[in-house]
């Protein structure tokens, strides 16, 4: 009986090579108060503080500021009422 050869999976696939899936290690200096605020907030949300920082940086750069989010939430609440 002849054994079937298993296809080897590539180490990297197309999904791995998408820009949004590539991370870079950086060093940033933050004051202790700001870092602790992020850590406390992240803990309340049940996520890591670095993940929270990435979310907030992305929102800020894509224009999702607090005012826009409040307006969006108000609009949703009005529709539900």
Protein backbone atom coordinates (compact mmCIF):
# COMPACT_ATOMS: atom_id res chain seq x y z
CA UNK A 1 0.00 0.00 0.00
CA UNK A 2 1.32 3.38 -1.01
CA UNK A 3 1.31 6.19 1.57
CA UNK A 4 -0.26 9.49 0.59
CA UNK A 5 2.10 12.39 0.84
CA UNK A 6 0.82 15.23 2.95
CA UNK A 7 0.97 18.65 1.39
CA UNK A 8 3.25 20.92 3.35
CA UNK A 9 1.63 24.14 4.45
CA UNK A 10 3.64 27.26 3.68
CA UNK A 11 5.20 28.97 6.66
CA UNK A 12 3.64 32.28 5.64
CA UNK A 13 0.42 32.70 3.73
CA UNK A 14 -1.11 35.68 1.94
CA UNK A 15 -3.05 36.66 5.08
CA UNK A 16 0.18 36.89 7.08
CA UNK A 17 1.66 39.29 4.56
CA UNK A 18 -1.18 41.83 4.66
CA UNK A 19 0.02 45.15 6.02
CA UNK A 20 -2.59 45.18 8.81
CA UNK A 21 -1.24 41.85 10.10
CA UNK A 22 2.39 42.91 10.34
CA UNK A 23 3.54 44.36 13.66
CA UNK A 24 6.64 46.33 14.56
CA UNK A 25 8.22 46.58 17.98
CA UNK A 26 8.75 50.16 19.13
CA UNK A 27 9.89 51.90 22.28
CA UNK A 28 7.87 54.80 23.64
CA UNK A 29 8.30 56.82 26.82
CA UNK A 30 5.13 57.65 28.75
CA UNK A 31 4.79 59.21 32.14
CA UNK A 32 3.72 56.81 34.89
CA UNK A 33 0.33 58.49 35.37
CA UNK A 34 -0.67 58.03 31.71
CA UNK A 35 0.56 54.44 31.65
CA UNK A 36 -1.37 53.61 34.83
CA UNK A 37 -4.53 55.22 33.41
CA UNK A 38 -4.27 53.00 30.32
CA UNK A 39 -3.58 49.90 32.43
CA UNK A 40 -6.56 50.58 34.71
CA UNK A 41 -8.87 51.31 31.78
CA UNK A 42 -7.72 48.19 29.93
CA UNK A 43 -8.23 46.07 33.03
CA UNK A 44 -11.83 47.33 33.31
CA UNK A 45 -12.40 46.39 29.66
CA UNK A 46 -10.73 43.00 30.08
CA UNK A 47 -8.06 43.62 27.44
CA UNK A 48 -4.34 44.32 27.46
CA UNK A 49 -3.20 47.91 27.84
CA UNK A 50 -1.11 47.77 24.67
CA UNK A 51 -4.14 46.54 22.74
CA UNK A 52 -6.14 49.46 24.14
CA UNK A 53 -3.39 51.88 23.11
CA UNK A 54 -3.43 50.47 19.57
CA UNK A 55 -7.21 50.84 19.40
CA UNK A 56 -7.10 54.43 20.63
CA UNK A 57 -4.23 55.42 18.34
CA UNK A 58 -6.05 53.93 15.35
CA UNK A 59 -9.29 55.71 16.27
CA UNK A 60 -7.49 59.02 16.67
CA UNK A 61 -5.69 58.71 13.35
CA UNK A 62 -8.83 57.64 11.51
CA UNK A 63 -10.80 60.57 12.92
CA UNK A 64 -12.93 58.68 15.43
CA UNK A 65 -12.72 61.34 18.07
CA UNK A 66 -14.89 61.61 21.14
CA UNK A 67 -17.30 64.10 19.61
CA UNK A 68 -18.01 61.85 16.62
CA UNK A 69 -18.56 58.83 18.87
CA UNK A 70 -20.97 60.77 21.11
CA UNK A 71 -22.96 61.96 18.08
CA UNK A 72 -23.10 58.41 16.73
CA UNK A 73 -24.31 57.05 20.09
CA UNK A 74 -26.91 59.81 20.42
CA UNK A 75 -28.20 59.00 16.94
CA UNK A 76 -28.49 55.30 17.79
CA UNK A 77 -30.30 56.05 21.03
CA UNK A 78 -32.79 58.32 19.27
CA UNK A 79 -33.56 55.57 16.76
CA UNK A 80 -34.17 53.08 19.57
CA UNK A 81 -36.53 55.43 21.46
